[in-house]
């Protein structure tokens, strides 16, 4: 397939690009190269014969029309988004413009392209979203997000993603655009931008800085290794049922405190301190406004319909991730100088 991947220089998008090229697909990587993007994420495939890069903003409709007409993709995988909850609290406008208006532009440009191509049945618009659109779950392990869970977003970020999901479904129902949607749990792994929890903990730990945990650390997340997620996304865009959504989860629920303690144990083994444990650096800080208590995904649909399951346990994935950050200082060190990285964000309420 010839795939147009938006946000392909970001964390999840670059994993999709790398996997797609490895699987023999042609890929056009469309990215605006905002603060969280890094072309080093796709350096390993940048010279591949099936790879092309287009620097463009999804809010620029003329650029989207040109790129679609030039490259004639068989499918669009739309990952470009503002995604950091803390930043959405401080500056919600960017999330509205990119995640809602940008998705609208992608839908309209894609619809015009698809129509001009004769509305091919095999074409797909794959919208990649988050489990955060469903809100917050109680601690009962029997209660999980399904594809039929009502939307209940609690942050500017999740509200903007919920809005984009609704737009995608509306363009399918109204205009017949052949769409598939996915909602994933928390991703982690190599190339994770160093403002998110796991890289913050790893990099603060080895720098001797406090390891900040919001509230009591009791918030629960379902952790999905990013390369497993990329495999699932490529499966859905090829074999998913048109108009259908698929929840993609890691089946690895952990409290934030448990997660940080596990990271500390791995670091104690791989790069021991002269004295004590990295867990001694754990510091509890004021909680984030509107902090959801628990996310957990029921992945039954994608397992039964498409045969996908996560292949990496959270223990294995965290060890891989820690080793990657220890071995790739040349990648993460320059990113720490970007605006807002290393600062406590999302405290405005």
Protein backbone atom coordinates (compact mmCIF):
# COMPACT_ATOMS: atom_id res chain seq x y z
CA UNK A 1 0.00 0.00 0.00
CA UNK A 2 0.95 3.63 -0.43
CA UNK A 3 0.26 5.25 2.94
CA UNK A 4 0.03 8.93 3.85
CA UNK A 5 0.92 9.14 7.54
CA UNK A 6 0.25 12.46 9.28
CA UNK A 7 2.41 13.17 12.29
CA UNK A 8 4.97 10.66 11.12
CA UNK A 9 7.86 12.40 12.88
CA UNK A 10 6.16 12.10 16.24
CA UNK A 11 6.32 9.26 18.74
CA UNK A 12 3.57 6.90 17.56
CA UNK A 13 3.61 8.15 13.97
CA UNK A 14 7.30 7.41 13.55
CA UNK A 15 6.79 3.88 14.88
CA UNK A 16 4.10 3.41 12.22
CA UNK A 17 6.41 4.79 9.52
CA UNK A 18 9.30 2.52 10.52
CA UNK A 19 7.08 -0.56 10.69
CA UNK A 20 5.28 0.23 7.43
CA UNK A 21 8.56 0.59 5.53
CA UNK A 22 9.84 -2.64 7.10
CA UNK A 23 6.64 -4.38 5.94
CA UNK A 24 7.20 -3.22 2.34
CA UNK A 25 4.68 -0.38 2.17
CA UNK A 26 5.37 2.99 0.55
CA UNK A 27 5.05 5.86 3.02
CA UNK A 28 4.58 9.61 2.68
CA UNK A 29 5.35 11.20 6.04
CA UNK A 30 3.46 14.48 6.50
CA UNK A 31 4.57 16.44 9.56
CA UNK A 32 4.66 20.11 10.54
CA UNK A 33 7.73 19.50 12.73
CA UNK A 34 6.32 21.22 15.79
CA UNK A 35 8.06 21.01 19.19
CA UNK A 36 7.38 17.28 19.80
CA UNK A 37 8.44 16.08 16.34
CA UNK A 38 11.92 14.88 15.45
CA UNK A 39 13.11 13.66 12.08
CA UNK A 40 15.73 11.53 13.84
CA UNK A 41 12.78 9.30 14.78
CA UNK A 42 12.65 8.12 11.15
CA UNK A 43 16.33 8.45 10.31
CA UNK A 44 16.64 4.66 9.94
CA UNK A 45 14.20 4.67 6.98
CA UNK A 46 14.79 8.14 5.53
CA UNK A 47 16.77 6.76 2.59
CA UNK A 48 14.43 3.86 1.88
CA UNK A 49 13.15 3.88 -1.73
CA UNK A 50 9.52 3.81 -0.58
CA UNK A 51 9.81 6.77 1.81
CA UNK A 52 9.01 10.45 1.19
CA UNK A 53 8.73 13.39 3.58
CA UNK A 54 6.47 16.43 3.27
CA UNK A 55 6.71 19.24 5.81
CA UNK A 56 3.20 20.66 6.06
CA UNK A 57 0.62 21.66 8.65
CA UNK A 58 -2.72 19.85 8.65
CA UNK A 59 -4.35 23.26 9.11
CA UNK A 60 -3.09 24.21 5.62
CA UNK A 61 -5.76 22.91 3.25
CA UNK A 62 -3.90 23.91 0.06
CA UNK A 63 -0.83 21.94 1.16
CA UNK A 64 -2.97 18.90 1.92
CA UNK A 65 -4.61 19.05 -1.52
CA UNK A 66 -1.21 19.27 -3.19
CA UNK A 67 0.29 16.38 -1.21
CA UNK A 68 -2.66 14.06 -1.82
CA UNK A 69 -2.70 14.83 -5.55
CA UNK A 70 1.05 14.39 -5.86
CA UNK A 71 1.46 11.12 -3.95
CA UNK A 72 -1.93 9.44 -4.58
CA UNK A 73 -2.08 7.35 -1.40
CA UNK A 74 -4.19 4.21 -1.01
CA UNK A 75 -4.90 5.13 2.60
CA UNK A 76 -4.47 8.00 5.04
CA UNK A 77 -3.36 7.25 8.60
CA UNK A 78 -4.13 10.38 10.59
CA UNK A 79 -1.99 10.59 13.73
CA UNK A 80 -1.01 14.28 13.73
CA UNK A 81 -2.27 15.84 16.95
CA UNK A 82 -1.38 17.86 19.99
CA UNK A 83 -1.35 15.20 22.70
CA UNK A 84 0.06 16.35 26.05
CA UNK A 85 -2.70 16.81 28.63
CA UNK A 86 -0.67 19.20 30.78
CA UNK A 87 -0.02 21.48 27.80
CA UNK A 88 -3.73 21.40 26.93
CA UNK A 89 -4.54 22.80 30.36
CA UNK A 90 -2.14 25.70 29.90
CA UNK A 91 -2.91 26.37 26.23
CA UNK A 92 -6.09 24.72 24.92
CA UNK A 93 -6.20 26.81 21.74
CA UNK A 94 -3.49 24.81 19.99
CA UNK A 95 -5.44 21.62 20.68
CA UNK A 96 -8.64 23.04 19.23
CA UNK A 97 -6.89 24.29 16.10
CA UNK A 98 -4.83 21.17 15.40
CA UNK A 99 -6.99 18.33 16.67
CA UNK A 100 -10.38 19.66 15.56
CA UNK A 101 -9.78 22.13 12.72
CA UNK A 102 -6.81 20.13 11.45
CA UNK A 103 -8.86 16.94 11.37
CA UNK A 104 -11.65 18.77 9.55
CA UNK A 105 -9.14 19.88 6.92
CA UNK A 106 -7.78 16.35 6.60
CA UNK A 107 -11.29 14.98 6.12
CA UNK A 108 -12.25 17.56 3.51
CA UNK A 109 -8.99 17.27 1.59
CA UNK A 110 -9.22 13.48 1.69
CA UNK A 111 -12.86 13.52 0.61
CA UNK A 112 -12.04 15.73 -2.37
CA UNK A 113 -9.12 13.49 -3.33
CA UNK A 114 -11.15 10.28 -2.89
CA UNK A 115 -13.96 11.71 -5.02
CA UNK A 116 -11.54 12.79 -7.75
CA UNK A 117 -10.11 9.26 -7.76
CA UNK A 118 -13.58 7.81 -8.46
CA UNK A 119 -14.38 6.92 -4.81
CA UNK A 120 -12.34 3.66 -4.76
CA UNK A 121 -13.81 1.08 -2.39
CA UNK A 122 -10.40 -0.04 -1.14
CA UNK A 123 -9.42 3.45 0.06
CA UNK A 124 -9.30 4.05 3.82
CA UNK A 125 -9.09 7.06 6.13
CA UNK A 126 -7.77 5.72 9.44
CA UNK A 127 -8.23 8.07 12.36
CA UNK A 128 -6.02 7.30 15.36
CA UNK A 129 -7.38 8.47 18.71
CA UNK A 130 -7.12 7.85 22.45
CA UNK A 131 -8.97 6.05 25.24
CA UNK A 132 -9.09 9.36 27.10
CA UNK A 133 -12.21 10.32 25.12
CA UNK A 134 -14.13 7.85 27.30
CA UNK A 135 -13.38 9.65 30.56
CA UNK A 136 -12.48 7.96 33.84
CA UNK A 137 -13.18 4.44 35.11
CA UNK A 138 -13.86 3.18 38.64
CA UNK A 139 -11.23 0.87 40.21
CA UNK A 140 -13.31 -2.27 39.52
CA UNK A 141 -11.10 -4.41 37.20
CA UNK A 142 -14.21 -5.86 35.56
CA UNK A 143 -15.17 -2.44 34.19
CA UNK A 144 -13.27 -1.46 31.02
CA UNK A 145 -13.64 0.77 28.00
CA UNK A 146 -15.31 -0.87 25.02
CA UNK A 147 -16.04 0.59 21.61
CA UNK A 148 -19.58 1.31 22.86
CA UNK A 149 -18.56 3.21 25.99
CA UNK A 150 -20.18 6.69 25.96
CA UNK A 151 -17.78 9.58 25.45
CA UNK A 152 -17.00 11.60 28.58
CA UNK A 153 -13.79 13.62 28.00
CA UNK A 154 -12.39 15.50 31.00
CA UNK A 155 -9.50 17.59 29.67
CA UNK A 156 -9.08 20.03 26.77
CA UNK A 157 -6.91 17.39 25.09
CA UNK A 158 -9.42 14.55 25.38
CA UNK A 159 -12.31 16.86 24.45
CA UNK A 160 -10.49 17.89 21.26
CA UNK A 161 -9.83 14.25 20.37
CA UNK A 162 -13.44 13.32 21.10
CA UNK A 163 -14.51 16.11 18.77
CA UNK A 164 -12.25 14.81 16.01
CA UNK A 165 -13.64 11.29 16.45
CA UNK A 166 -17.17 12.64 15.98
CA UNK A 167 -16.13 14.50 12.83
CA UNK A 168 -14.65 11.35 11.32
CA UNK A 169 -17.81 9.35 11.99
CA UNK A 170 -19.94 12.17 10.57
CA UNK A 171 -17.91 12.28 7.34
CA UNK A 172 -18.47 8.54 6.98
CA UNK A 173 -22.21 8.72 7.60
CA UNK A 174 -22.83 11.89 5.62
CA UNK A 175 -20.42 11.60 2.71
CA UNK A 176 -19.65 7.89 2.65
CA UNK A 177 -15.92 8.40 3.26
CA UNK A 178 -14.53 4.93 4.07
CA UNK A 179 -13.13 5.37 7.56
CA UNK A 180 -11.82 3.21 10.37
CA UNK A 181 -11.07 4.48 13.87
CA UNK A 182 -8.87 3.27 16.71
CA UNK A 183 -8.65 4.36 20.34
CA UNK A 184 -5.52 3.32 22.19
CA UNK A 185 -4.26 3.19 25.74
CA UNK A 186 -1.08 4.92 26.98
CA UNK A 187 1.88 4.25 24.69
CA UNK A 188 5.51 3.99 25.74
CA UNK A 189 8.79 2.89 24.22
CA UNK A 190 11.74 4.25 22.18
CA UNK A 191 11.57 7.82 20.84
CA UNK A 192 8.98 8.89 23.44
CA UNK A 193 9.24 12.67 23.74
CA UNK A 194 10.92 13.55 27.07
CA UNK A 195 8.00 15.41 28.65
CA UNK A 196 5.86 12.30 29.21
CA UNK A 197 5.88 10.26 32.44
CA UNK A 198 8.15 7.33 31.55
CA UNK A 199 10.97 9.29 29.87
CA UNK A 200 10.73 11.97 32.57
CA UNK A 201 11.27 9.34 35.25
CA UNK A 202 14.17 7.68 33.43
CA UNK A 203 15.98 10.92 32.61
CA UNK A 204 15.34 12.59 35.97
CA UNK A 205 16.53 9.47 37.74
CA UNK A 206 19.92 9.32 36.03
CA UNK A 207 20.31 13.09 36.44
CA UNK A 208 19.74 12.81 40.21
CA UNK A 209 16.56 14.89 40.07
CA UNK A 210 13.22 14.27 41.85
CA UNK A 211 10.85 11.77 40.23
CA UNK A 212 7.52 13.62 40.33
CA UNK A 213 4.34 11.63 40.89
CA UNK A 214 1.01 13.42 40.76
CA UNK A 215 -1.18 13.08 43.85
CA UNK A 216 -0.73 9.74 45.57
CA UNK A 217 0.28 7.85 42.44
CA UNK A 218 -2.88 5.75 42.58
CA UNK A 219 -4.05 6.69 39.07
CA UNK A 220 -4.15 3.59 36.87
CA UNK A 221 -3.20 3.38 33.20
CA UNK A 222 -3.13 0.54 30.67
CA UNK A 223 0.34 0.58 29.05
CA UNK A 224 0.86 -0.33 25.39
CA UNK A 225 4.32 -0.78 23.85
CA UNK A 226 4.48 1.56 20.87
CA UNK A 227 5.73 -1.04 18.39
CA UNK A 228 2.81 -3.32 19.28
CA UNK A 229 0.53 -0.37 18.64
CA UNK A 230 2.10 0.27 15.23
CA UNK A 231 1.47 -3.36 14.26
CA UNK A 232 -2.17 -3.04 15.32
CA UNK A 233 -2.68 0.19 13.37
CA UNK A 234 -1.31 -1.27 10.16
CA UNK A 235 -3.56 -4.29 10.62
CA UNK A 236 -6.64 -2.12 11.10
CA UNK A 237 -5.98 0.09 8.07
CA UNK A 238 -5.69 -3.02 5.89
CA UNK A 239 -8.33 -5.33 7.37
CA UNK A 240 -10.60 -3.27 9.61
CA UNK A 241 -14.29 -3.03 8.76
CA UNK A 242 -15.31 0.31 7.23
CA UNK A 243 -17.12 2.56 9.68
CA UNK A 244 -15.97 0.53 12.66
CA UNK A 245 -13.80 1.47 15.62
CA UNK A 246 -11.29 -0.74 17.41
CA UNK A 247 -9.92 -0.28 20.91
CA UNK A 248 -6.22 -1.12 21.19
CA UNK A 249 -4.97 -1.88 24.69
CA UNK A 250 -1.82 -3.29 26.19
CA UNK A 251 -3.58 -5.44 28.82
CA UNK A 252 -1.01 -4.05 31.26
CA UNK A 253 -2.71 -1.98 33.97
CA UNK A 254 -0.43 -0.35 36.54
CA UNK A 255 -0.76 2.48 39.03
CA UNK A 256 1.56 5.36 38.33
CA UNK A 257 3.41 4.61 41.57
CA UNK A 258 3.88 0.94 40.65
CA UNK A 259 5.13 1.98 37.22
CA UNK A 260 7.70 4.40 38.62
CA UNK A 261 8.89 1.88 41.20
CA UNK A 262 9.36 -0.70 38.42
CA UNK A 263 11.42 1.78 36.41
CA UNK A 264 13.55 2.48 39.48
CA UNK A 265 14.17 -1.24 39.99
CA UNK A 266 15.27 -1.64 36.36
CA UNK A 267 17.60 1.35 36.66
CA UNK A 268 19.00 0.01 39.94
CA UNK A 269 20.04 -3.10 38.05
CA UNK A 270 21.20 -1.55 34.77
CA UNK A 271 22.89 1.60 36.12
CA UNK A 272 23.17 1.31 39.91
CA UNK A 273 23.73 4.40 42.02
CA UNK A 274 26.76 4.72 44.22
CA UNK A 275 24.45 4.62 47.20
CA UNK A 276 20.76 3.80 47.69
CA UNK A 277 18.00 3.28 45.13
CA UNK A 278 16.54 5.52 42.46
CA UNK A 279 13.25 5.07 44.33
CA UNK A 280 14.67 7.38 46.98
CA UNK A 281 14.16 10.22 44.47
CA UNK A 282 10.36 9.68 44.25
CA UNK A 283 8.55 12.90 45.12
CA UNK A 284 4.78 13.35 45.36
CA UNK A 285 3.54 16.63 43.89
CA UNK A 286 0.18 18.40 43.60
CA UNK A 287 -2.21 16.51 41.36
CA UNK A 288 -3.19 17.66 37.89
CA UNK A 289 -6.62 19.35 37.55
CA UNK A 290 -9.24 16.85 36.36
CA UNK A 291 -6.83 13.91 36.59
CA UNK A 292 -8.70 10.77 35.44
CA UNK A 293 -8.54 7.93 37.98
CA UNK A 294 -8.24 4.93 35.68
CA UNK A 295 -8.08 3.92 32.00
CA UNK A 296 -8.43 0.33 30.88
CA UNK A 297 -9.27 -1.07 27.46
CA UNK A 298 -11.20 -4.20 26.58
CA UNK A 299 -9.48 -5.34 23.36
CA UNK A 300 -11.94 -8.14 22.58
CA UNK A 301 -13.08 -6.73 19.23
CA UNK A 302 -9.63 -6.35 17.65
CA UNK A 303 -8.58 -9.73 19.06
CA UNK A 304 -11.62 -11.62 17.78
CA UNK A 305 -12.10 -9.82 14.44
CA UNK A 306 -8.49 -9.19 13.41
CA UNK A 307 -6.48 -11.61 15.55
CA UNK A 308 -4.30 -8.98 17.24
CA UNK A 309 -2.91 -9.13 20.76
CA UNK A 310 -0.05 -7.22 22.37
CA UNK A 311 3.17 -9.19 22.23
CA UNK A 312 5.20 -7.24 24.81
CA UNK A 313 4.53 -7.39 28.56
CA UNK A 314 4.95 -4.19 30.49
CA UNK A 315 7.99 -5.59 32.33
CA UNK A 316 9.71 -6.52 29.06
CA UNK A 317 8.71 -3.27 27.39
CA UNK A 318 9.90 -1.09 30.26
CA UNK A 319 13.28 -2.80 30.29
CA UNK A 320 13.63 -2.28 26.54
CA UNK A 321 12.65 1.36 26.99
CA UNK A 322 15.10 2.04 29.82
CA UNK A 323 17.93 0.43 27.86
CA UNK A 324 17.04 2.52 24.81
CA UNK A 325 17.21 5.81 26.75
CA UNK A 326 20.48 4.82 28.42
CA UNK A 327 21.96 4.07 24.98
CA UNK A 328 20.57 7.11 23.10
CA UNK A 329 21.56 10.27 24.93
CA UNK A 330 22.40 11.88 21.59
CA UNK A 331 18.69 11.66 20.72
CA UNK A 332 17.10 12.93 23.93
CA UNK A 333 19.62 15.49 25.16
CA UNK A 334 18.82 18.16 22.48
CA UNK A 335 15.08 17.67 23.00
CA UNK A 336 15.35 18.64 26.65
CA UNK A 337 16.14 22.19 25.53
CA UNK A 338 12.81 22.60 23.74
CA UNK A 339 10.13 24.91 25.15
CA UNK A 340 8.38 23.60 28.25
CA UNK A 341 10.36 20.37 28.56
CA UNK A 342 11.44 19.79 32.15
CA UNK A 343 8.95 22.32 33.53
CA UNK A 344 5.83 21.52 35.55
CA UNK A 345 2.92 22.25 33.23
CA UNK A 346 -0.82 21.93 33.61
CA UNK A 347 -1.21 23.55 37.03
CA UNK A 348 -3.60 26.28 35.90
CA UNK A 349 -7.15 25.68 37.03
